[in-house]
Amino acid sequence: MELHKLTGGGMRRSVLWASQRTEVLAVIKTTTDLNVRDFRWAVVHSRKTGGMQVARLEYDRSGRHHFFQFDRHQGQHYAIYTAGSDGDVEEHFPGTWERQALYFASWAARVDAEARGRRVPR
């Protein structure tokens, strides 16, 4: 579940609830050695749903740039992210917030592993 708003230009915006943003940041704080200050929230155009803007969490530190986009597809959650030095973008259709949160936790672990110079788990 997330909040949908209409922007001034008539574009729909799908943003995460405050509780979902808190949950995402808690995953970073409790399961990784990453610093939450190295992350920033952005609002970007959806890659899956035309006319919609969605939330994206970006990590940028020491020349490493990764993102996790909380996209929408067919009215459900859709994950688009990059982790690892190869820069490959991955996409998954979890559908529910609970499954989306699992994809996010896996992504955070991969970013953490790469930041520590370890092999990035898949």
Protein backbone atom coordinates (compact mmCIF):
# COMPACT_ATOMS: atom_id res chain seq x y z
CA MET A 1 0.00 0.00 0.00
CA GLU A 2 1.26 3.48 -0.77
CA LEU A 3 0.02 6.97 -1.28
CA HIS A 4 -1.06 8.11 -4.74
CA LYS A 5 -1.18 11.85 -5.48
CA LEU A 6 -1.73 13.90 -8.61
CA THR A 7 1.07 16.35 -9.40
CA GLY A 8 0.48 19.78 -10.90
CA GLY A 9 1.08 18.44 -14.42
CA GLY A 10 -1.55 15.73 -14.03
CA MET A 11 1.06 13.01 -13.51
CA ARG A 12 0.25 10.46 -10.82
CA ARG A 13 2.81 10.03 -8.06
CA SER A 14 3.13 6.79 -6.14
CA VAL A 15 5.15 7.43 -3.01
CA LEU A 16 5.85 5.18 -0.07
CA TRP A 17 4.06 5.68 3.23
CA ALA A 18 6.22 7.10 6.03
CA SER A 19 6.08 3.69 7.74
CA GLN A 20 7.41 2.00 4.59
CA ARG A 21 10.29 4.49 4.31
CA THR A 22 11.06 3.88 8.00
CA GLU A 23 11.03 0.11 7.39
CA VAL A 24 13.42 0.47 4.43
CA LEU A 25 15.89 2.59 6.42
CA ALA A 26 15.65 0.20 9.39
CA VAL A 27 16.74 -2.65 7.10
CA ILE A 28 19.86 -0.67 6.16
CA LYS A 29 20.62 0.25 9.79
CA THR A 30 20.08 -3.22 11.28
CA THR A 31 21.35 -5.60 8.60
CA THR A 32 24.23 -3.75 6.94
CA ASP A 33 27.29 -1.69 7.82
CA LEU A 34 26.18 1.01 5.37
CA ASN A 35 25.59 4.57 6.57
CA VAL A 36 22.04 5.78 5.91
CA ARG A 37 23.48 9.26 5.22
CA ASP A 38 24.91 7.83 1.98
CA PHE A 39 21.36 7.25 0.69
CA ARG A 40 18.89 9.76 -0.67
CA TRP A 41 15.26 9.56 -1.70
CA ALA A 42 14.28 10.68 -5.19
CA VAL A 43 11.07 10.79 -7.19
CA VAL A 44 11.50 9.52 -10.77
CA HIS A 45 9.37 8.58 -13.74
CA SER A 46 8.09 5.02 -13.59
CA ARG A 47 9.73 2.65 -16.05
CA LYS A 48 6.63 0.43 -16.05
CA THR A 49 3.59 2.72 -15.76
CA GLY A 50 3.28 5.73 -18.07
CA GLY A 51 2.29 9.02 -16.47
CA MET A 52 3.42 7.96 -13.00
CA GLN A 53 6.24 9.03 -10.73
CA VAL A 54 7.62 6.64 -8.11
CA ALA A 55 10.03 6.58 -5.17
CA ARG A 56 13.64 5.59 -5.64
CA LEU A 57 16.36 5.16 -3.04
CA GLU A 58 19.83 6.00 -4.34
CA TYR A 59 23.20 5.06 -2.84
CA ASP A 60 26.25 7.05 -3.85
CA ARG A 61 29.58 6.58 -2.10
CA SER A 62 33.19 6.40 -3.24
CA GLY A 63 32.27 6.31 -6.91
CA ARG A 64 29.67 3.57 -6.42
CA HIS A 65 26.14 4.41 -7.47
CA HIS A 66 23.23 2.04 -6.96
CA PHE A 67 19.50 2.50 -6.78
CA PHE A 68 16.37 0.64 -5.76
CA GLN A 69 13.24 1.89 -7.49
CA PHE A 70 9.88 1.18 -5.84
CA ASP A 71 8.01 1.07 -9.14
CA ARG A 72 4.45 0.07 -9.98
CA HIS A 73 3.09 -2.28 -12.64
CA GLN A 74 -0.56 -3.23 -13.12
CA GLY A 75 -1.33 -1.48 -9.81
CA GLN A 76 1.13 -3.62 -7.84
CA HIS A 77 4.69 -3.36 -6.57
CA TYR A 78 7.53 -3.73 -9.06
CA ALA A 79 11.24 -3.69 -8.16
CA ILE A 80 13.92 -2.20 -10.40
CA TYR A 81 17.44 -1.98 -9.05
CA THR A 82 21.15 -2.10 -9.66
CA ALA A 83 23.74 -3.52 -7.27
CA GLY A 84 27.22 -4.70 -7.98
CA SER A 85 30.01 -3.15 -9.96
CA ASP A 86 28.68 -4.50 -13.28
CA GLY A 87 25.88 -1.91 -13.26
CA ASP A 88 23.31 -4.40 -14.57
CA VAL A 89 19.71 -3.42 -13.89
CA GLU A 90 17.45 -6.14 -12.52
CA GLU A 91 13.66 -6.16 -12.50
CA HIS A 92 11.20 -8.27 -10.49
CA PHE A 93 7.44 -8.25 -10.03
CA PRO A 94 6.88 -9.01 -6.33
CA GLY A 95 3.28 -7.73 -6.32
CA THR A 96 2.91 -7.18 -2.56
CA TRP A 97 4.73 -4.81 -0.24
CA GLU A 98 5.92 -7.74 1.88
CA ARG A 99 7.65 -9.36 -1.09
CA GLN A 100 8.95 -5.99 -2.28
CA ALA A 101 10.55 -5.52 1.17
CA LEU A 102 12.30 -8.90 0.76
CA TYR A 103 13.76 -7.81 -2.59
CA PHE A 104 14.92 -4.60 -0.94
CA ALA A 105 16.63 -6.48 1.91
CA SER A 106 18.47 -8.64 -0.63
CA TRP A 107 19.50 -5.53 -2.57
CA ALA A 108 20.81 -3.85 0.60
CA ALA A 109 22.89 -6.95 1.39
CA ARG A 110 24.39 -6.87 -2.11
CA VAL A 111 25.27 -3.17 -1.87
CA ASP A 112 26.80 -3.79 1.56
CA ALA A 113 28.89 -6.71 0.26
CA GLU A 114 30.18 -4.67 -2.65
CA ALA A 115 30.98 -1.70 -0.41
CA ARG A 116 33.12 -4.02 1.73
CA GLY A 117 34.88 -5.42 -1.34
CA ARG A 118 33.32 -8.85 -1.06
CA ARG A 119 31.71 -10.91 -3.80
CA VAL A 120 28.21 -9.64 -4.41
CA PRO A 121 25.64 -12.36 -3.61
CA ARG A 122 22.88 -13.04 -6.15
